[in-house]
């Protein structure tokens, strides 16, 4: 279950974005994808780039969606992620699956109607991302691994955990980068156009590392 969120997150404002709590003041989730993987007691944190553009939330509100801040089951990214993350699951429901799925920008929804591309006001947005990621890590008592699906996710994790390896170097290395009790893994975004082997390699590394820790 999502812990209570501080004003520094729910009240944050930045040009180029709408914080989802402006549109959905009753929302309690930090990440809109928690209804896919939402286990705050899980061992693995999955971090993408951002949730979506604010127009998606507005359109859902206009259509009467009861909870507009949610994942889209039909999205290619989420369908592929279900398959990639399947070996890491430890339970069936989102709240007991062993995984928490978030994004670097968390509740910030870009106002340019784009679902990809360069982030507006990137420096400040990434600073907010580090703040929210630090909050998340601090509220996951069983966290052992973070899978960063793209450079922005890696940069936020690196800033919080003081990792100096670049995303590209870590990705090409195929293994974990240790940051205290946490192993950080660099993965491609699930929608990236790369080989199947390249896509799966970091996920297989997470499985192997966690299996070794269970054995220990």
C-alpha atoms as a PDB file:
ATOM      1  CA  UNK A   1       0.000   0.000   0.000  1.00  0.00           C
ATOM      2  CA  UNK A   2       1.268   3.459  -0.890  1.00  0.00           C
ATOM      3  CA  UNK A   3       2.541   5.327   2.173  1.00  0.00           C
ATOM      4  CA  UNK A   4       1.155   8.802   2.947  1.00  0.00           C
ATOM      5  CA  UNK A   5       2.655  11.287   0.510  1.00  0.00           C
ATOM      6  CA  UNK A   6       4.305  14.512   1.689  1.00  0.00           C
ATOM      7  CA  UNK A   7       3.383  17.991   0.496  1.00  0.00           C
ATOM      8  CA  UNK A   8       6.800  18.221  -1.171  1.00  0.00           C
ATOM      9  CA  UNK A   9       5.479  15.691  -3.685  1.00  0.00           C
ATOM     10  CA  UNK A  10       1.742  16.372  -3.915  1.00  0.00           C
ATOM     11  CA  UNK A  11       2.186  20.148  -3.860  1.00  0.00           C
ATOM     12  CA  UNK A  12       5.112  20.364  -6.268  1.00  0.00           C
ATOM     13  CA  UNK A  13       4.609  22.570  -9.340  1.00  0.00           C
ATOM     14  CA  UNK A  14       6.832  23.002 -12.400  1.00  0.00           C
ATOM     15  CA  UNK A  15       6.394  24.831 -15.708  1.00  0.00           C
ATOM     16  CA  UNK A  16       5.738  22.357 -18.505  1.00  0.00           C
ATOM     17  CA  UNK A  17       3.988  19.841 -16.267  1.00  0.00           C
ATOM     18  CA  UNK A  18       0.814  19.219 -14.339  1.00  0.00           C
ATOM     19  CA  UNK A  19       1.172  17.344 -11.080  1.00  0.00           C
ATOM     20  CA  UNK A  20      -1.485  14.638 -11.144  1.00  0.00           C
ATOM     21  CA  UNK A  21      -2.764  15.727  -7.720  1.00  0.00           C
ATOM     22  CA  UNK A  22      -3.907  19.003  -9.278  1.00  0.00           C
ATOM     23  CA  UNK A  23      -6.296  17.000 -11.472  1.00  0.00           C
ATOM     24  CA  UNK A  24      -7.042  14.160  -9.044  1.00  0.00           C
ATOM     25  CA  UNK A  25      -6.898  15.675  -5.536  1.00  0.00           C
ATOM     26  CA  UNK A  26      -8.168  12.457  -3.960  1.00  0.00           C
ATOM     27  CA  UNK A  27      -5.487  10.266  -5.533  1.00  0.00           C
ATOM     28  CA  UNK A  28      -3.353   8.356  -3.011  1.00  0.00           C
ATOM     29  CA  UNK A  29      -0.884   6.571  -5.281  1.00  0.00           C
ATOM     30  CA  UNK A  30       2.544   7.970  -6.009  1.00  0.00           C
ATOM     31  CA  UNK A  31       2.785   6.083  -9.291  1.00  0.00           C
ATOM     32  CA  UNK A  32      -0.065   5.574 -11.727  1.00  0.00           C
ATOM     33  CA  UNK A  33       1.336   2.140 -12.550  1.00  0.00           C
ATOM     34  CA  UNK A  34       0.888   0.796  -9.022  1.00  0.00           C
ATOM     35  CA  UNK A  35      -2.277  -0.971 -10.167  1.00  0.00           C
ATOM     36  CA  UNK A  36      -0.024  -3.158 -12.323  1.00  0.00           C
ATOM     37  CA  UNK A  37       2.816  -3.701  -9.832  1.00  0.00           C
ATOM     38  CA  UNK A  38       2.194  -1.936  -6.515  1.00  0.00           C
ATOM     39  CA  UNK A  39       3.976  -3.886  -3.783  1.00  0.00           C
ATOM     40  CA  UNK A  40       5.755  -1.420  -1.491  1.00  0.00           C
ATOM     41  CA  UNK A  41       7.013  -4.396   0.527  1.00  0.00           C
ATOM     42  CA  UNK A  42       8.515  -5.980  -2.586  1.00  0.00           C
ATOM     43  CA  UNK A  43      12.138  -6.730  -3.370  1.00  0.00           C
ATOM     44  CA  UNK A  44      12.243  -5.066  -6.786  1.00  0.00           C
ATOM     45  CA  UNK A  45      11.561  -1.497  -7.926  1.00  0.00           C
ATOM     46  CA  UNK A  46      10.994  -0.919 -11.647  1.00  0.00           C
ATOM     47  CA  UNK A  47      11.595   2.652 -12.832  1.00  0.00           C
ATOM     48  CA  UNK A  48      10.602   4.011 -16.252  1.00  0.00           C
ATOM     49  CA  UNK A  49      10.942   7.572 -17.572  1.00  0.00           C
ATOM     50  CA  UNK A  50       7.566   9.236 -16.938  1.00  0.00           C
ATOM     51  CA  UNK A  51       3.922   8.280 -16.621  1.00  0.00           C
ATOM     52  CA  UNK A  52       2.202  10.106 -19.505  1.00  0.00           C
ATOM     53  CA  UNK A  53       1.126  13.501 -20.750  1.00  0.00           C
ATOM     54  CA  UNK A  54      -1.442  15.433 -18.735  1.00  0.00           C
ATOM     55  CA  UNK A  55      -3.933  15.390 -21.613  1.00  0.00           C
ATOM     56  CA  UNK A  56      -4.327  11.634 -21.111  1.00  0.00           C
ATOM     57  CA  UNK A  57      -5.465  12.206 -17.529  1.00  0.00           C
ATOM     58  CA  UNK A  58      -7.774  15.040 -18.594  1.00  0.00           C
ATOM     59  CA  UNK A  59      -9.348  12.879 -21.317  1.00  0.00           C
ATOM     60  CA  UNK A  60      -9.976  10.073 -18.854  1.00  0.00           C
ATOM     61  CA  UNK A  61     -11.561  12.491 -16.404  1.00  0.00           C
ATOM     62  CA  UNK A  62     -13.813  13.851 -19.156  1.00  0.00           C
ATOM     63  CA  UNK A  63     -14.794  10.270 -20.059  1.00  0.00           C
ATOM     64  CA  UNK A  64     -15.819   9.559 -16.469  1.00  0.00           C
ATOM     65  CA  UNK A  65     -12.964   7.210 -15.642  1.00  0.00           C
ATOM     66  CA  UNK A  66     -13.274   6.394 -11.907  1.00  0.00           C
ATOM     67  CA  UNK A  67      -9.492   6.396 -11.449  1.00  0.00           C
ATOM     68  CA  UNK A  68      -7.727   8.228 -14.298  1.00  0.00           C
ATOM     69  CA  UNK A  69      -4.242   7.809 -12.807  1.00  0.00           C
ATOM     70  CA  UNK A  70      -3.753   4.159 -13.780  1.00  0.00           C
ATOM     71  CA  UNK A  71      -1.788   2.010 -16.192  1.00  0.00           C
ATOM     72  CA  UNK A  72      -3.118   1.173 -19.653  1.00  0.00           C
ATOM     73  CA  UNK A  73      -3.296  -2.646 -20.114  1.00  0.00           C
ATOM     74  CA  UNK A  74      -3.290  -2.389 -23.923  1.00  0.00           C
ATOM     75  CA  UNK A  75      -0.077  -0.356 -24.079  1.00  0.00           C
ATOM     76  CA  UNK A  76       2.800  -2.253 -25.698  1.00  0.00           C
ATOM     77  CA  UNK A  77       5.146  -1.144 -22.914  1.00  0.00           C
ATOM     78  CA  UNK A  78       2.982  -2.703 -20.223  1.00  0.00           C
ATOM     79  CA  UNK A  79       2.301  -5.917 -22.141  1.00  0.00           C
ATOM     80  CA  UNK A  80       6.009  -6.479 -22.671  1.00  0.00           C
ATOM     81  CA  UNK A  81       6.835  -5.525 -19.113  1.00  0.00           C
ATOM     82  CA  UNK A  82       4.460  -8.167 -17.795  1.00  0.00           C
ATOM     83  CA  UNK A  83       6.458 -10.814 -19.630  1.00  0.00           C
ATOM     84  CA  UNK A  84       9.890  -9.437 -18.706  1.00  0.00           C
ATOM     85  CA  UNK A  85       9.042  -9.119 -15.016  1.00  0.00           C
ATOM     86  CA  UNK A  86       7.131 -12.408 -14.703  1.00  0.00           C
ATOM     87  CA  UNK A  87      10.105 -14.407 -13.314  1.00  0.00           C
ATOM     88  CA  UNK A  88      10.506 -11.832 -10.519  1.00  0.00           C
ATOM     89  CA  UNK A  89       6.945 -12.052  -9.236  1.00  0.00           C
ATOM     90  CA  UNK A  90       6.362 -13.548  -5.814  1.00  0.00           C
ATOM     91  CA  UNK A  91       2.585 -13.126  -5.649  1.00  0.00           C
ATOM     92  CA  UNK A  92      -0.475 -12.760  -7.836  1.00  0.00           C
ATOM     93  CA  UNK A  93      -2.044  -9.439  -6.841  1.00  0.00           C
ATOM     94  CA  UNK A  94      -0.449  -6.042  -7.530  1.00  0.00           C
ATOM     95  CA  UNK A  95      -0.101  -5.495  -3.775  1.00  0.00           C
ATOM     96  CA  UNK A  96       1.690  -8.817  -3.144  1.00  0.00           C
ATOM     97  CA  UNK A  97       3.579  -9.383  -6.408  1.00  0.00           C
ATOM     98  CA  UNK A  98       7.020  -8.448  -5.028  1.00  0.00           C
ATOM     99  CA  UNK A  99       7.393  -5.559  -7.482  1.00  0.00           C
ATOM    100  CA  UNK A 100       6.728  -1.825  -7.426  1.00  0.00           C
ATOM    101  CA  UNK A 101       6.467  -0.094 -10.812  1.00  0.00           C
ATOM    102  CA  UNK A 102       7.104   3.625 -10.986  1.00  0.00           C
ATOM    103  CA  UNK A 103       8.802   6.268 -13.090  1.00  0.00           C
ATOM    104  CA  UNK A 104      11.520   8.844 -12.705  1.00  0.00           C
ATOM    105  CA  UNK A 105       9.077  11.768 -12.861  1.00  0.00           C
ATOM    106  CA  UNK A 106       6.445  10.028 -10.713  1.00  0.00           C
ATOM    107  CA  UNK A 107       3.331  12.251 -10.572  1.00  0.00           C
ATOM    108  CA  UNK A 108       4.554  14.909 -13.016  1.00  0.00           C
ATOM    109  CA  UNK A 109       2.611  14.701 -16.295  1.00  0.00           C
ATOM    110  CA  UNK A 110       4.061  16.645 -19.205  1.00  0.00           C
ATOM    111  CA  UNK A 111       1.863  19.327 -20.791  1.00  0.00           C
ATOM    112  CA  UNK A 112       3.179  19.049 -24.363  1.00  0.00           C
ATOM    113  CA  UNK A 113       0.815  16.176 -25.311  1.00  0.00           C
ATOM    114  CA  UNK A 114       3.790  13.940 -26.067  1.00  0.00           C
ATOM    115  CA  UNK A 115       4.233  10.392 -24.805  1.00  0.00           C
ATOM    116  CA  UNK A 116       7.978  10.360 -25.485  1.00  0.00           C
ATOM    117  CA  UNK A 117      10.856  12.638 -26.402  1.00  0.00           C
ATOM    118  CA  UNK A 118      12.929  15.224 -24.571  1.00  0.00           C
ATOM    119  CA  UNK A 119      11.498  16.212 -21.208  1.00  0.00           C
ATOM    120  CA  UNK A 120      10.425  19.830 -20.704  1.00  0.00           C
ATOM    121  CA  UNK A 121      12.347  21.720 -18.017  1.00  0.00           C
ATOM    122  CA  UNK A 122      14.458  18.607 -17.672  1.00  0.00           C
ATOM    123  CA  UNK A 123      16.894  19.666 -14.949  1.00  0.00           C
ATOM    124  CA  UNK A 124      14.203  20.670 -12.457  1.00  0.00           C
ATOM    125  CA  UNK A 125      12.034  17.700 -13.389  1.00  0.00           C
ATOM    126  CA  UNK A 126      14.899  15.303 -12.741  1.00  0.00           C
ATOM    127  CA  UNK A 127      15.585  16.972  -9.397  1.00  0.00           C
ATOM    128  CA  UNK A 128      11.994  16.266  -8.413  1.00  0.00           C
ATOM    129  CA  UNK A 129      12.513  12.731  -9.685  1.00  0.00           C
ATOM    130  CA  UNK A 130      15.431  12.221  -7.324  1.00  0.00           C
ATOM    131  CA  UNK A 131      13.351  13.513  -4.431  1.00  0.00           C
ATOM    132  CA  UNK A 132      10.479  11.123  -5.126  1.00  0.00           C
ATOM    133  CA  UNK A 133      12.811   8.190  -5.738  1.00  0.00           C
ATOM    134  CA  UNK A 134      14.562   8.807  -2.424  1.00  0.00           C
ATOM    135  CA  UNK A 135      11.126   8.809  -0.771  1.00  0.00           C
ATOM    136  CA  UNK A 136      10.271   5.524  -2.484  1.00  0.00           C
ATOM    137  CA  UNK A 137      13.520   3.787  -1.545  1.00  0.00           C
ATOM    138  CA  UNK A 138      13.073   4.943   2.024  1.00  0.00           C
ATOM    139  CA  UNK A 139       9.624   3.336   2.161  1.00  0.00           C
ATOM    140  CA  UNK A 140      10.549  -0.037   0.652  1.00  0.00           C
ATOM    141  CA  UNK A 141      11.992  -1.983   3.605  1.00  0.00           C
ATOM    142  CA  UNK A 142      12.672  -5.142   1.594  1.00  0.00           C
ATOM    143  CA  UNK A 143      14.159  -3.505  -1.488  1.00  0.00           C
ATOM    144  CA  UNK A 144      17.041  -5.439  -3.050  1.00  0.00           C
ATOM    145  CA  UNK A 145      17.056  -4.409  -6.713  1.00  0.00           C
ATOM    146  CA  UNK A 146      16.163  -1.424  -8.889  1.00  0.00           C
ATOM    147  CA  UNK A 147      15.661  -1.925 -12.625  1.00  0.00           C
ATOM    148  CA  UNK A 148      16.164   1.367 -14.464  1.00  0.00           C
ATOM    149  CA  UNK A 149      14.414   1.258 -17.829  1.00  0.00           C
ATOM    150  CA  UNK A 150      16.224   4.045 -19.610  1.00  0.00           C
ATOM    151  CA  UNK A 151      18.721   6.833 -18.991  1.00  0.00           C
ATOM    152  CA  UNK A 152      16.412   9.168 -17.037  1.00  0.00           C
ATOM    153  CA  UNK A 153      15.527   6.446 -14.570  1.00  0.00           C
ATOM    154  CA  UNK A 154      19.207   5.595 -14.200  1.00  0.00           C
ATOM    155  CA  UNK A 155      20.182   9.217 -13.625  1.00  0.00           C
ATOM    156  CA  UNK A 156      17.630   9.583 -10.845  1.00  0.00           C
ATOM    157  CA  UNK A 157      18.762   6.373  -9.171  1.00  0.00           C
ATOM    158  CA  UNK A 158      22.406   7.353  -9.593  1.00  0.00           C
ATOM    159  CA  UNK A 159      21.767  10.718  -7.983  1.00  0.00           C
ATOM    160  CA  UNK A 160      20.084   9.153  -4.969  1.00  0.00           C
ATOM    161  CA  UNK A 161      22.445   6.193  -4.543  1.00  0.00           C
ATOM    162  CA  UNK A 162      25.678   7.957  -5.617  1.00  0.00           C
ATOM    163  CA  UNK A 163      26.340   5.575  -8.506  1.00  0.00           C
ATOM    164  CA  UNK A 164      28.990   6.838 -10.928  1.00  0.00           C
ATOM    165  CA  UNK A 165      28.605   4.285 -13.717  1.00  0.00           C
ATOM    166  CA  UNK A 166      26.675   5.555 -16.752  1.00  0.00           C
ATOM    167  CA  UNK A 167      23.471   3.887 -17.912  1.00  0.00           C
ATOM    168  CA  UNK A 168      25.054   2.871 -21.218  1.00  0.00           C
ATOM    169  CA  UNK A 169      28.090   1.307 -19.544  1.00  0.00           C
ATOM    170  CA  UNK A 170      25.959  -0.523 -16.990  1.00  0.00           C
ATOM    171  CA  UNK A 171      23.531  -1.661 -19.691  1.00  0.00           C
ATOM    172  CA  UNK A 172      26.281  -2.989 -21.922  1.00  0.00           C
ATOM    173  CA  UNK A 173      27.942  -4.670 -18.944  1.00  0.00           C
ATOM    174  CA  UNK A 174      24.770  -6.635 -18.339  1.00  0.00           C
ATOM    175  CA  UNK A 175      25.137  -7.040 -14.585  1.00  0.00           C
ATOM    176  CA  UNK A 176      24.372  -5.205 -11.379  1.00  0.00           C
ATOM    177  CA  UNK A 177      25.981  -2.090  -9.980  1.00  0.00           C
ATOM    178  CA  UNK A 178      26.070  -2.329  -6.212  1.00  0.00           C
ATOM    179  CA  UNK A 179      24.907   0.576  -4.066  1.00  0.00           C
ATOM    180  CA  UNK A 180      24.977  -0.605  -0.481  1.00  0.00           C
ATOM    181  CA  UNK A 181      22.223  -3.153   0.052  1.00  0.00           C
ATOM    182  CA  UNK A 182      20.721  -2.459  -3.362  1.00  0.00           C
ATOM    183  CA  UNK A 183      21.683  -3.797  -6.771  1.00  0.00           C
ATOM    184  CA  UNK A 184      20.959  -1.371  -9.625  1.00  0.00           C
ATOM    185  CA  UNK A 185      20.377  -2.749 -13.131  1.00  0.00           C
ATOM    186  CA  UNK A 186      20.313  -0.844 -16.428  1.00  0.00           C
ATOM    187  CA  UNK A 187      17.657  -2.069 -18.853  1.00  0.00           C
ATOM    188  CA  UNK A 188      16.167  -0.845 -22.097  1.00  0.00           C
ATOM    189  CA  UNK A 189      12.708   0.639 -22.074  1.00  0.00           C
ATOM    190  CA  UNK A 190      10.290  -2.224 -22.868  1.00  0.00           C
ATOM    191  CA  UNK A 191       9.176  -0.475 -26.068  1.00  0.00           C
ATOM    192  CA  UNK A 192      12.733   0.028 -27.347  1.00  0.00           C
ATOM    193  CA  UNK A 193      13.604  -1.471 -30.719  1.00  0.00           C
ATOM    194  CA  UNK A 194      16.429  -3.772 -29.707  1.00  0.00           C
ATOM    195  CA  UNK A 195      17.139  -7.470 -30.003  1.00  0.00           C
ATOM    196  CA  UNK A 196      15.256  -9.903 -27.785  1.00  0.00           C
ATOM    197  CA  UNK A 197      18.544 -10.973 -26.195  1.00  0.00           C
ATOM    198  CA  UNK A 198      19.538  -7.394 -25.445  1.00  0.00           C
ATOM    199  CA  UNK A 199      16.136  -6.687 -23.919  1.00  0.00           C
ATOM    200  CA  UNK A 200      16.130  -9.774 -21.712  1.00  0.00           C
ATOM    201  CA  UNK A 201      19.734  -9.809 -20.512  1.00  0.00           C
ATOM    202  CA  UNK A 202      19.406  -7.355 -17.574  1.00  0.00           C
ATOM    203  CA  UNK A 203      16.187  -9.026 -16.436  1.00  0.00           C
ATOM    204  CA  UNK A 204      17.914 -12.381 -16.392  1.00  0.00           C
ATOM    205  CA  UNK A 205      20.717 -10.810 -14.351  1.00  0.00           C
ATOM    206  CA  UNK A 206      18.197  -9.594 -11.752  1.00  0.00           C
ATOM    207  CA  UNK A 207      16.729 -13.099 -11.472  1.00  0.00           C
ATOM    208  CA  UNK A 208      20.190 -14.622 -11.038  1.00  0.00           C
ATOM    209  CA  UNK A 209      21.328 -12.097  -8.433  1.00  0.00           C
ATOM    210  CA  UNK A 210      18.170 -12.398  -6.367  1.00  0.00           C
ATOM    211  CA  UNK A 211      18.297 -16.190  -6.554  1.00  0.00           C
ATOM    212  CA  UNK A 212      21.852 -16.071  -5.236  1.00  0.00           C
ATOM    213  CA  UNK A 213      20.843 -13.857  -2.346  1.00  0.00           C
ATOM    214  CA  UNK A 214      18.014 -16.214  -1.417  1.00  0.00           C
ATOM    215  CA  UNK A 215      20.469 -19.082  -1.410  1.00  0.00           C
ATOM    216  CA  UNK A 216      22.863 -17.118   0.807  1.00  0.00           C
END
